[in-house]
Amino acid sequence: MGGDDADEHARRILGDEVQGPAYDPSRRWQDRRHSVTASQRHSVTASQRHSVTASLHEHATRPGGAAYASSKRAVIGLVQAAALDYGQQNIRVNAISPGIISTRMFTDRLPTEAQQREAAATVGGLKRVGQPDEMAGAILFLASDECTYLTGASLLADGGLLAGI
């Protein structure tokens, strides 16, 4: 990807990944207190508990991943700032940082089953690609009453991928 295409790609990623959860009024922290929903792209929320999707790229990235990694690190800054801004209102804000998950982005990158199996064989301690429902479980934990003292944090849910690097 060269020149103008690379610039536009970076702008799109930063806009989607950072500006969406930061500026979209439907996603304002104080407006998101009442329901658990899996339909929002960036989060699943419960009463006064908010989880934002970051990424494994918050911790480590790959060649060509500058825009995506930067956007995910920015999301962590947003989570930490929101945790400080809303903590006195008893609103907790956390992120989940998934590893390789079987999503459209994954299948677009590795379209054949053979490529997907090869990638799964190299993924962390569990040696498999994670499923979206596994991330939903982690998000629900962050939003639960079992997790009342955690705020401004990122939960790494990568199947042991970083442990093997």
Protein backbone atom coordinates (compact mmCIF):
# COMPACT_ATOMS: atom_id res chain seq x y z
CA MET A 1 0.00 0.00 0.00
CA GLY A 2 1.64 3.22 -1.04
CA GLY A 3 1.38 6.93 -0.38
CA ASP A 4 -2.16 8.24 -0.41
CA ASP A 5 -3.69 4.77 0.00
CA ALA A 6 -1.64 4.15 3.15
CA ASP A 7 -2.58 7.57 4.55
CA GLU A 8 -6.28 6.95 3.91
CA HIS A 9 -6.02 3.47 5.46
CA ALA A 10 -4.43 4.93 8.61
CA ARG A 11 -7.08 7.67 8.83
CA ARG A 12 -9.87 5.11 8.47
CA ILE A 13 -8.44 2.84 11.17
CA LEU A 14 -7.86 5.70 13.60
CA GLY A 15 -11.33 7.07 12.92
CA ASP A 16 -13.08 3.74 13.36
CA GLU A 17 -11.11 2.49 16.33
CA VAL A 18 -10.53 5.66 18.35
CA GLN A 19 -12.96 8.37 17.36
CA GLY A 20 -15.95 6.02 17.31
CA PRO A 21 -15.93 5.12 21.01
CA ALA A 22 -14.56 8.52 22.05
CA TYR A 23 -16.95 10.84 20.23
CA ASP A 24 -20.08 8.97 19.15
CA PRO A 25 -22.81 10.35 21.46
CA SER A 26 -24.56 6.97 21.55
CA ARG A 27 -21.45 5.57 23.20
CA ARG A 28 -20.85 8.25 25.86
CA TRP A 29 -19.93 6.59 29.14
CA GLN A 30 -22.64 8.34 31.13
CA ASP A 31 -25.29 7.37 28.56
CA ARG A 32 -24.49 3.65 28.72
CA ARG A 33 -25.64 2.53 32.15
CA HIS A 34 -28.73 0.43 31.63
CA SER A 35 -28.43 -2.58 29.35
CA VAL A 36 -26.17 -5.38 28.26
CA THR A 37 -25.95 -5.52 24.49
CA ALA A 38 -23.75 -7.37 22.05
CA SER A 39 -24.92 -5.25 19.13
CA GLN A 40 -22.58 -2.32 19.78
CA ARG A 41 -19.36 -2.74 17.85
CA HIS A 42 -17.01 -1.41 20.53
CA SER A 43 -18.51 -2.59 23.77
CA VAL A 44 -20.82 -4.63 25.88
CA THR A 45 -22.03 -2.66 28.87
CA ALA A 46 -23.97 -3.14 32.05
CA SER A 47 -25.16 -0.75 34.72
CA GLN A 48 -22.20 1.51 35.53
CA ARG A 49 -19.71 -0.99 34.07
CA HIS A 50 -18.16 -0.43 30.66
CA SER A 51 -15.90 -2.59 28.54
CA VAL A 52 -14.17 -1.42 25.38
CA THR A 53 -12.45 -3.63 22.84
CA ALA A 54 -8.74 -2.96 22.49
CA SER A 55 -6.43 -5.58 20.99
CA LEU A 56 -3.40 -7.75 21.43
CA HIS A 57 -1.76 -5.01 19.33
CA GLU A 58 -1.89 -2.85 22.44
CA HIS A 59 1.03 -5.00 23.68
CA ALA A 60 2.79 -6.17 20.50
CA THR A 61 2.26 -5.69 16.79
CA ARG A 62 3.55 -6.78 13.39
CA PRO A 63 5.18 -5.09 10.42
CA GLY A 64 2.68 -2.82 8.71
CA GLY A 65 0.56 -2.57 11.85
CA ALA A 66 1.44 0.99 12.91
CA ALA A 67 -2.00 2.54 12.43
CA TYR A 68 -3.89 -0.35 14.02
CA ALA A 69 -1.51 -0.68 16.98
CA SER A 70 -1.57 3.10 17.53
CA SER A 71 -5.36 3.11 17.48
CA LYS A 72 -5.55 0.33 20.06
CA ARG A 73 -3.03 2.03 22.34
CA ALA A 74 -5.12 5.19 22.03
CA VAL A 75 -8.19 3.21 23.10
CA ILE A 76 -6.33 2.18 26.27
CA GLY A 77 -5.58 5.85 26.98
CA LEU A 78 -9.27 6.60 26.50
CA VAL A 79 -10.22 3.79 28.91
CA GLN A 80 -7.79 5.01 31.54
CA ALA A 81 -8.92 8.63 31.24
CA ALA A 82 -12.61 7.63 31.39
CA ALA A 83 -11.93 5.47 34.45
CA LEU A 84 -10.48 8.51 36.22
CA ASP A 85 -13.18 10.86 34.98
CA TYR A 86 -16.11 8.66 36.02
CA GLY A 87 -14.72 6.66 38.96
CA GLN A 88 -16.23 8.95 41.58
CA GLN A 89 -19.62 8.24 40.03
CA ASN A 90 -18.93 4.53 40.62
CA ILE A 91 -18.63 3.91 36.89
CA ARG A 92 -15.95 1.38 35.98
CA VAL A 93 -14.36 1.43 32.53
CA ASN A 94 -12.14 -1.43 31.31
CA ALA A 95 -10.91 -2.88 28.04
CA ILE A 96 -10.50 -6.36 26.72
CA SER A 97 -7.49 -7.08 24.51
CA PRO A 98 -8.26 -10.16 22.44
CA GLY A 99 -5.69 -12.14 20.55
CA ILE A 100 -6.55 -13.87 17.29
CA ILE A 101 -10.33 -14.29 17.19
CA SER A 102 -12.41 -15.88 14.46
CA THR A 103 -14.02 -12.71 13.13
CA ARG A 104 -14.59 -11.27 9.68
CA MET A 105 -11.26 -9.46 9.93
CA PHE A 106 -9.53 -12.81 10.58
CA THR A 107 -11.28 -14.63 7.72
CA ASP A 108 -10.68 -11.70 5.34
CA ARG A 109 -6.96 -11.95 6.12
CA LEU A 110 -6.85 -15.77 5.94
CA PRO A 111 -9.69 -16.80 3.61
CA THR A 112 -9.00 -20.54 3.28
CA GLU A 113 -9.55 -23.17 5.96
CA ALA A 114 -5.97 -24.38 5.43
CA GLN A 115 -4.59 -20.91 6.19
CA GLN A 116 -6.81 -20.64 9.25
CA ARG A 117 -5.70 -24.07 10.55
CA GLU A 118 -2.04 -23.14 10.02
CA ALA A 119 -2.51 -19.88 11.93
CA ALA A 120 -4.35 -21.67 14.75
CA ALA A 121 -1.51 -24.17 15.19
CA THR A 122 0.86 -21.33 16.07
CA VAL A 123 -1.41 -19.39 18.43
CA GLY A 124 -0.13 -19.27 22.00
CA GLY A 125 -0.52 -21.90 24.66
CA LEU A 126 -3.97 -23.03 23.53
CA LYS A 127 -2.89 -23.52 19.89
CA ARG A 128 -6.22 -22.41 18.50
CA VAL A 129 -8.05 -19.33 17.36
CA GLY A 130 -10.47 -17.84 19.88
CA GLN A 131 -14.19 -17.56 19.29
CA PRO A 132 -16.28 -14.38 19.70
CA ASP A 133 -18.38 -15.96 22.48
CA GLU A 134 -15.20 -16.51 24.50
CA MET A 135 -14.57 -12.77 24.36
CA ALA A 136 -18.17 -12.10 25.35
CA GLY A 137 -17.60 -14.19 28.49
CA ALA A 138 -14.55 -12.11 29.40
CA ILE A 139 -16.47 -8.88 28.80
CA LEU A 140 -19.37 -10.10 30.93
CA PHE A 141 -16.86 -10.88 33.70
CA LEU A 142 -15.54 -7.30 33.52
CA ALA A 143 -19.13 -6.06 33.79
CA SER A 144 -20.06 -8.42 36.62
CA ASP A 145 -20.29 -7.94 40.36
CA GLU A 146 -17.32 -10.32 40.64
CA CYS A 147 -15.09 -7.57 39.25
CA THR A 148 -16.01 -4.47 41.24
CA TYR A 149 -12.52 -3.11 42.01
CA LEU A 150 -11.12 -3.19 38.46
CA THR A 151 -11.17 0.02 36.44
CA GLY A 152 -8.88 1.61 33.89
CA ALA A 153 -7.44 -1.80 33.05
CA SER A 154 -7.06 -4.02 30.02
CA LEU A 155 -7.77 -7.76 30.27
CA LEU A 156 -5.50 -9.70 27.91
CA ALA A 157 -7.52 -12.59 26.45
CA ASP A 158 -5.16 -14.03 23.86
CA GLY A 159 -5.09 -17.78 24.49
CA GLY A 160 -1.51 -17.48 25.73
CA LEU A 161 -0.19 -15.92 22.54
CA LEU A 162 2.01 -13.30 24.24
CA ALA A 163 3.28 -15.88 26.71
CA GLY A 164 4.90 -17.66 23.79
CA ILE A 165 6.63 -14.64 22.28
